[in-house]
Amino acid sequence: MLLDKCPHCETSHVQTSPRFEESFDAETNELVWGVIRCQNPKCHRLILVVTSKGIVQYIYPVGSFQLDPKVNISQEIRDDFREAGLCLSAGCYKASMVMSRRVLQRCLKEQGASQRQLVDAIDYVMKEGILRKPFHKVATEIRQYGNLGAHPDDDQLVNVNEKNAKQVLDFVRLLIHDFYEVPAAAENLRQEREGSK
């Protein structure tokens, strides 16, 4: 099996060797769980992969471009974030930047920003205190890069490179962490505390 990226060593397009495979849905054969080993000589660690009809659905540990399946995050954000990461891995930095912009807009919409224009949505979440102050400047920069992708006559995306595409992807990853993973972790702690009383 060829993975987009090893979740351990982050080698792109890494070849793996199968160690174990089992279907846990014998009637439909939809979900197949397998253990594979990264063939990067500096890694050789094991990866749990869940496939459906030959398509990878989940990887454990969670890779850089796959969001934690236990956290309540919409499929649209998951798909757009994964595509932004895959574009980055493939060297398609402009496409990665535009997909990161989509993730930003979806996140803000799910936080209550109903404005159609991203600039208005960013203004809204700033004024409402939904977007923390350290995120303001970068959110505006992502919007500007994404807008440039829609206007090739004024194409500033030629200046996009691997470094700034990765920085933007890292930023939206932080945003997802702040909006979804931190509240989920806090709720888990609260439930554990309630259960121990």
C-alpha atoms as a PDB file:
ATOM      1  CA  MET A   1       0.000   0.000   0.000  1.00  0.00           C
ATOM      2  CA  LEU A   2       1.191   3.504  -0.817  1.00  0.00           C
ATOM      3  CA  LEU A   3       0.316   6.154   1.784  1.00  0.00           C
ATOM      4  CA  ASP A   4       0.219   9.890   1.099  1.00  0.00           C
ATOM      5  CA  LYS A   5       2.374  10.385   4.162  1.00  0.00           C
ATOM      6  CA  CYS A   6       3.633   8.255   7.046  1.00  0.00           C
ATOM      7  CA  PRO A   7       2.067   9.593  10.278  1.00  0.00           C
ATOM      8  CA  HIS A   8       5.291   8.806  12.168  1.00  0.00           C
ATOM      9  CA  CYS A   9       8.173  10.040  10.000  1.00  0.00           C
ATOM     10  CA  GLU A  10       6.075  12.185   7.600  1.00  0.00           C
ATOM     11  CA  THR A  11       7.751  10.692   4.514  1.00  0.00           C
ATOM     12  CA  SER A  12       5.596  11.580   1.496  1.00  0.00           C
ATOM     13  CA  HIS A  13       4.194   8.821  -0.739  1.00  0.00           C
ATOM     14  CA  VAL A  14       5.712   6.164   1.516  1.00  0.00           C
ATOM     15  CA  GLN A  15       5.555   2.505   0.486  1.00  0.00           C
ATOM     16  CA  THR A  16       4.324   0.138   3.186  1.00  0.00           C
ATOM     17  CA  SER A  17       4.270  -3.615   3.671  1.00  0.00           C
ATOM     18  CA  PRO A  18       1.200  -5.451   5.041  1.00  0.00           C
ATOM     19  CA  ARG A  19       1.508  -7.141   8.436  1.00  0.00           C
ATOM     20  CA  PHE A  20      -2.096  -8.079   9.183  1.00  0.00           C
ATOM     21  CA  GLU A  21      -5.501  -7.493   7.614  1.00  0.00           C
ATOM     22  CA  GLU A  22      -8.981  -8.378   8.856  1.00  0.00           C
ATOM     23  CA  SER A  23     -12.508  -7.493   7.815  1.00  0.00           C
ATOM     24  CA  PHE A  24     -14.805  -6.723  10.724  1.00  0.00           C
ATOM     25  CA  ASP A  25     -17.861  -6.506   8.512  1.00  0.00           C
ATOM     26  CA  ALA A  26     -17.942  -9.921   6.879  1.00  0.00           C
ATOM     27  CA  GLU A  27     -21.324  -9.501   5.178  1.00  0.00           C
ATOM     28  CA  THR A  28     -20.639  -6.268   3.278  1.00  0.00           C
ATOM     29  CA  ASN A  29     -16.816  -6.270   3.483  1.00  0.00           C
ATOM     30  CA  GLU A  30     -17.027  -2.486   3.804  1.00  0.00           C
ATOM     31  CA  LEU A  31     -14.531  -1.865   6.593  1.00  0.00           C
ATOM     32  CA  VAL A  32     -11.161  -3.590   6.496  1.00  0.00           C
ATOM     33  CA  TRP A  33      -8.667  -2.986   9.283  1.00  0.00           C
ATOM     34  CA  GLY A  34      -5.001  -3.572   8.542  1.00  0.00           C
ATOM     35  CA  VAL A  35      -1.627  -3.120  10.189  1.00  0.00           C
ATOM     36  CA  ILE A  36       1.108  -1.983   7.833  1.00  0.00           C
ATOM     37  CA  ARG A  37       4.776  -1.071   8.293  1.00  0.00           C
ATOM     38  CA  CYS A  38       6.443   2.049   6.896  1.00  0.00           C
ATOM     39  CA  GLN A  39       9.269   1.056   4.546  1.00  0.00           C
ATOM     40  CA  ASN A  40      11.335   4.155   5.220  1.00  0.00           C
ATOM     41  CA  PRO A  41      14.567   2.601   6.649  1.00  0.00           C
ATOM     42  CA  LYS A  42      14.712   5.325   9.307  1.00  0.00           C
ATOM     43  CA  CYS A  43      11.174   4.556  10.488  1.00  0.00           C
ATOM     44  CA  HIS A  44       9.789   1.006  10.018  1.00  0.00           C
ATOM     45  CA  ARG A  45       7.004   1.787  12.492  1.00  0.00           C
ATOM     46  CA  LEU A  46       3.539   0.242  12.411  1.00  0.00           C
ATOM     47  CA  ILE A  47       0.428   2.037  11.174  1.00  0.00           C
ATOM     48  CA  LEU A  48      -3.195   0.987  11.616  1.00  0.00           C
ATOM     49  CA  VAL A  49      -5.200   1.654   8.446  1.00  0.00           C
ATOM     50  CA  VAL A  50      -8.972   1.370   7.998  1.00  0.00           C
ATOM     51  CA  THR A  51     -10.149   1.087   4.393  1.00  0.00           C
ATOM     52  CA  SER A  52     -13.553   0.883   2.728  1.00  0.00           C
ATOM     53  CA  LYS A  53     -13.775  -0.481  -0.827  1.00  0.00           C
ATOM     54  CA  GLY A  54     -10.034   0.004  -1.153  1.00  0.00           C
ATOM     55  CA  ILE A  55     -10.070   3.681  -0.104  1.00  0.00           C
ATOM     56  CA  VAL A  56      -8.254   4.761   3.068  1.00  0.00           C
ATOM     57  CA  GLN A  57     -10.757   6.104   5.607  1.00  0.00           C
ATOM     58  CA  TYR A  58      -8.652   6.451   8.766  1.00  0.00           C
ATOM     59  CA  ILE A  59      -5.023   6.139   9.784  1.00  0.00           C
ATOM     60  CA  TYR A  60      -3.746   5.672  13.341  1.00  0.00           C
ATOM     61  CA  PRO A  61      -1.811   7.414  14.684  1.00  0.00           C
ATOM     62  CA  VAL A  62      -3.526  10.413  13.168  1.00  0.00           C
ATOM     63  CA  GLY A  63      -1.326  11.825  10.411  1.00  0.00           C
ATOM     64  CA  SER A  64      -0.536  15.469   9.762  1.00  0.00           C
ATOM     65  CA  PHE A  65      -3.377  15.877   7.280  1.00  0.00           C
ATOM     66  CA  GLN A  66      -5.957  13.748   9.043  1.00  0.00           C
ATOM     67  CA  LEU A  67      -7.934  15.184  11.913  1.00  0.00           C
ATOM     68  CA  ASP A  68      -8.678  13.179  15.040  1.00  0.00           C
ATOM     69  CA  PRO A  69     -11.735  11.014  14.251  1.00  0.00           C
ATOM     70  CA  LYS A  70     -12.887  11.169  17.897  1.00  0.00           C
ATOM     71  CA  VAL A  71     -13.437  14.945  17.740  1.00  0.00           C
ATOM     72  CA  ASN A  72     -16.703  16.328  16.345  1.00  0.00           C
ATOM     73  CA  ILE A  73     -15.465  18.084  13.187  1.00  0.00           C
ATOM     74  CA  SER A  74     -17.579  18.306  10.036  1.00  0.00           C
ATOM     75  CA  GLN A  75     -16.679  16.104   7.084  1.00  0.00           C
ATOM     76  CA  GLU A  76     -16.363  19.194   4.873  1.00  0.00           C
ATOM     77  CA  ILE A  77     -13.596  20.618   7.067  1.00  0.00           C
ATOM     78  CA  ARG A  78     -11.899  17.212   7.265  1.00  0.00           C
ATOM     79  CA  ASP A  79     -11.970  16.801   3.486  1.00  0.00           C
ATOM     80  CA  ASP A  80     -10.774  20.328   2.702  1.00  0.00           C
ATOM     81  CA  PHE A  81      -7.983  20.150   5.292  1.00  0.00           C
ATOM     82  CA  ARG A  82      -6.825  16.779   3.963  1.00  0.00           C
ATOM     83  CA  GLU A  83      -6.849  18.100   0.399  1.00  0.00           C
ATOM     84  CA  ALA A  84      -4.839  21.166   1.429  1.00  0.00           C
ATOM     85  CA  GLY A  85      -2.274  18.820   2.983  1.00  0.00           C
ATOM     86  CA  LEU A  86      -2.186  16.501  -0.018  1.00  0.00           C
ATOM     87  CA  CYS A  87      -1.692  19.464  -2.354  1.00  0.00           C
ATOM     88  CA  LEU A  88       1.198  20.621  -0.180  1.00  0.00           C
ATOM     89  CA  SER A  89       2.781  17.142  -0.262  1.00  0.00           C
ATOM     90  CA  ALA A  90       2.411  17.014  -4.049  1.00  0.00           C
ATOM     91  CA  GLY A  91       4.138  20.368  -4.493  1.00  0.00           C
ATOM     92  CA  CYS A  92       0.905  22.135  -5.508  1.00  0.00           C
ATOM     93  CA  TYR A  93       1.429  25.106  -3.216  1.00  0.00           C
ATOM     94  CA  LYS A  94      -1.089  27.475  -4.803  1.00  0.00           C
ATOM     95  CA  ALA A  95      -3.807  24.831  -4.595  1.00  0.00           C
ATOM     96  CA  SER A  96      -2.871  24.122  -0.971  1.00  0.00           C
ATOM     97  CA  MET A  97      -3.172  27.818  -0.131  1.00  0.00           C
ATOM     98  CA  VAL A  98      -6.630  28.076  -1.720  1.00  0.00           C
ATOM     99  CA  MET A  99      -7.836  24.939   0.089  1.00  0.00           C
ATOM    100  CA  SER A 100      -6.524  26.304   3.394  1.00  0.00           C
ATOM    101  CA  ARG A 101      -8.619  29.418   2.750  1.00  0.00           C
ATOM    102  CA  ARG A 102     -11.679  27.166   2.326  1.00  0.00           C
ATOM    103  CA  VAL A 103     -10.942  25.531   5.680  1.00  0.00           C
ATOM    104  CA  LEU A 104     -10.725  28.951   7.313  1.00  0.00           C
ATOM    105  CA  GLN A 105     -14.057  30.040   5.832  1.00  0.00           C
ATOM    106  CA  ARG A 106     -15.800  26.795   6.832  1.00  0.00           C
ATOM    107  CA  CYS A 107     -14.454  27.055  10.389  1.00  0.00           C
ATOM    108  CA  LEU A 108     -15.687  30.625  10.750  1.00  0.00           C
ATOM    109  CA  LYS A 109     -19.104  29.716   9.340  1.00  0.00           C
ATOM    110  CA  GLU A 110     -19.445  26.892  11.863  1.00  0.00           C
ATOM    111  CA  GLN A 111     -18.564  29.371  14.615  1.00  0.00           C
ATOM    112  CA  GLY A 112     -21.530  31.566  13.677  1.00  0.00           C
ATOM    113  CA  ALA A 113     -20.176  33.855  10.934  1.00  0.00           C
ATOM    114  CA  SER A 114     -22.953  33.727   8.327  1.00  0.00           C
ATOM    115  CA  GLN A 115     -21.476  36.432   6.071  1.00  0.00           C
ATOM    116  CA  ARG A 116     -20.901  35.384   2.445  1.00  0.00           C
ATOM    117  CA  GLN A 117     -17.658  37.347   2.050  1.00  0.00           C
ATOM    118  CA  LEU A 118     -14.697  36.048   4.040  1.00  0.00           C
ATOM    119  CA  VAL A 119     -13.529  39.582   4.827  1.00  0.00           C
ATOM    120  CA  ASP A 120     -16.891  40.246   6.524  1.00  0.00           C
ATOM    121  CA  ALA A 121     -16.784  36.907   8.336  1.00  0.00           C
ATOM    122  CA  ILE A 122     -13.314  37.689   9.696  1.00  0.00           C
ATOM    123  CA  ASP A 123     -14.472  41.136  10.832  1.00  0.00           C
ATOM    124  CA  TYR A 124     -17.456  39.525  12.571  1.00  0.00           C
ATOM    125  CA  VAL A 125     -15.471  36.897  14.496  1.00  0.00           C
ATOM    126  CA  MET A 126     -12.923  39.524  15.509  1.00  0.00           C
ATOM    127  CA  LYS A 127     -15.581  41.892  16.846  1.00  0.00           C
ATOM    128  CA  GLU A 128     -17.422  39.074  18.623  1.00  0.00           C
ATOM    129  CA  GLY A 129     -14.241  37.739  20.222  1.00  0.00           C
ATOM    130  CA  ILE A 130     -14.716  34.341  18.546  1.00  0.00           C
ATOM    131  CA  LEU A 131     -11.309  34.532  16.859  1.00  0.00           C
ATOM    132  CA  ARG A 132      -8.529  35.090  19.333  1.00  0.00           C
ATOM    133  CA  LYS A 133      -6.381  38.175  18.741  1.00  0.00           C
ATOM    134  CA  PRO A 134      -3.162  36.298  17.788  1.00  0.00           C
ATOM    135  CA  PHE A 135      -5.069  34.777  14.845  1.00  0.00           C
ATOM    136  CA  HIS A 136      -6.375  38.067  13.361  1.00  0.00           C
ATOM    137  CA  LYS A 137      -3.466  39.035  11.116  1.00  0.00           C
ATOM    138  CA  VAL A 138      -2.877  35.553   9.704  1.00  0.00           C
ATOM    139  CA  ALA A 139      -6.596  35.044   9.002  1.00  0.00           C
ATOM    140  CA  THR A 140      -6.576  38.245   6.952  1.00  0.00           C
ATOM    141  CA  GLU A 141      -3.453  37.122   5.042  1.00  0.00           C
ATOM    142  CA  ILE A 142      -5.064  33.755   4.197  1.00  0.00           C
ATOM    143  CA  ARG A 143      -8.126  35.551   2.863  1.00  0.00           C
ATOM    144  CA  GLN A 144      -5.942  37.741   0.672  1.00  0.00           C
ATOM    145  CA  TYR A 145      -4.002  34.783  -0.755  1.00  0.00           C
ATOM    146  CA  GLY A 146      -7.227  32.904  -1.464  1.00  0.00           C
ATOM    147  CA  ASN A 147      -8.719  35.915  -3.228  1.00  0.00           C
ATOM    148  CA  LEU A 148      -5.682  36.159  -5.468  1.00  0.00           C
ATOM    149  CA  GLY A 149      -6.289  32.596  -6.593  1.00  0.00           C
ATOM    150  CA  ALA A 150      -9.648  33.656  -8.000  1.00  0.00           C
ATOM    151  CA  HIS A 151      -8.180  36.572 -10.005  1.00  0.00           C
ATOM    152  CA  PRO A 152      -5.399  35.312 -12.331  1.00  0.00           C
ATOM    153  CA  ASP A 153      -5.056  38.707 -14.067  1.00  0.00           C
ATOM    154  CA  ASP A 154      -3.687  40.098 -10.802  1.00  0.00           C
ATOM    155  CA  ASP A 155      -1.852  36.915  -9.873  1.00  0.00           C
ATOM    156  CA  GLN A 156       0.231  37.284  -6.738  1.00  0.00           C
ATOM    157  CA  LEU A 157       0.054  33.535  -6.128  1.00  0.00           C
ATOM    158  CA  VAL A 158       3.237  33.214  -8.196  1.00  0.00           C
ATOM    159  CA  ASN A 159       4.983  34.213  -4.967  1.00  0.00           C
ATOM    160  CA  VAL A 160       3.559  31.248  -3.058  1.00  0.00           C
ATOM    161  CA  ASN A 161       6.177  28.667  -2.120  1.00  0.00           C
ATOM    162  CA  GLU A 162       6.364  25.551   0.031  1.00  0.00           C
ATOM    163  CA  LYS A 163       7.287  27.486   3.159  1.00  0.00           C
ATOM    164  CA  ASN A 164       4.367  29.921   3.183  1.00  0.00           C
ATOM    165  CA  ALA A 165       1.861  27.288   1.994  1.00  0.00           C
ATOM    166  CA  LYS A 166       2.935  25.102   4.939  1.00  0.00           C
ATOM    167  CA  GLN A 167       2.706  28.055   7.315  1.00  0.00           C
ATOM    168  CA  VAL A 168      -0.874  28.731   6.216  1.00  0.00           C
ATOM    169  CA  LEU A 169      -1.784  25.053   6.580  1.00  0.00           C
ATOM    170  CA  ASP A 170      -0.196  25.034  10.054  1.00  0.00           C
ATOM    171  CA  PHE A 171      -2.261  28.101  10.936  1.00  0.00           C
ATOM    172  CA  VAL A 172      -5.583  26.520   9.944  1.00  0.00           C
ATOM    173  CA  ARG A 173      -4.509  23.414  11.899  1.00  0.00           C
ATOM    174  CA  LEU A 174      -4.079  25.641  14.972  1.00  0.00           C
ATOM    175  CA  LEU A 175      -7.483  27.168  14.311  1.00  0.00           C
ATOM    176  CA  ILE A 176      -9.103  23.726  14.165  1.00  0.00           C
ATOM    177  CA  HIS A 177      -7.339  22.819  17.398  1.00  0.00           C
ATOM    178  CA  ASP A 178      -8.627  25.988  19.075  1.00  0.00           C
ATOM    179  CA  PHE A 179     -12.216  25.733  17.797  1.00  0.00           C
ATOM    180  CA  TYR A 180     -12.802  21.977  18.062  1.00  0.00           C
ATOM    181  CA  GLU A 181     -10.128  19.945  19.847  1.00  0.00           C
ATOM    182  CA  VAL A 182      -9.627  22.150  22.915  1.00  0.00           C
ATOM    183  CA  PRO A 183     -13.387  22.277  23.726  1.00  0.00           C
ATOM    184  CA  ALA A 184     -13.627  18.489  23.177  1.00  0.00           C
ATOM    185  CA  ALA A 185     -10.696  17.864  25.535  1.00  0.00           C
ATOM    186  CA  ALA A 186     -12.215  20.210  28.130  1.00  0.00           C
ATOM    187  CA  GLU A 187     -15.558  18.403  27.897  1.00  0.00           C
ATOM    188  CA  ASN A 188     -13.839  15.017  28.310  1.00  0.00           C
ATOM    189  CA  LEU A 189     -12.090  16.279  31.437  1.00  0.00           C
ATOM    190  CA  ARG A 190     -15.370  17.626  32.802  1.00  0.00           C
ATOM    191  CA  GLN A 191     -17.089  14.272  32.223  1.00  0.00           C
ATOM    192  CA  GLU A 192     -14.212  12.403  33.866  1.00  0.00           C
ATOM    193  CA  ARG A 193     -14.406  14.720  36.854  1.00  0.00           C
ATOM    194  CA  GLU A 194     -18.183  14.275  37.122  1.00  0.00           C
ATOM    195  CA  GLY A 195     -17.762  10.503  36.890  1.00  0.00           C
ATOM    196  CA  SER A 196     -15.192  10.436  39.712  1.00  0.00           C
ATOM    197  CA  LYS A 197     -17.452  12.258  42.193  1.00  0.00           C
END
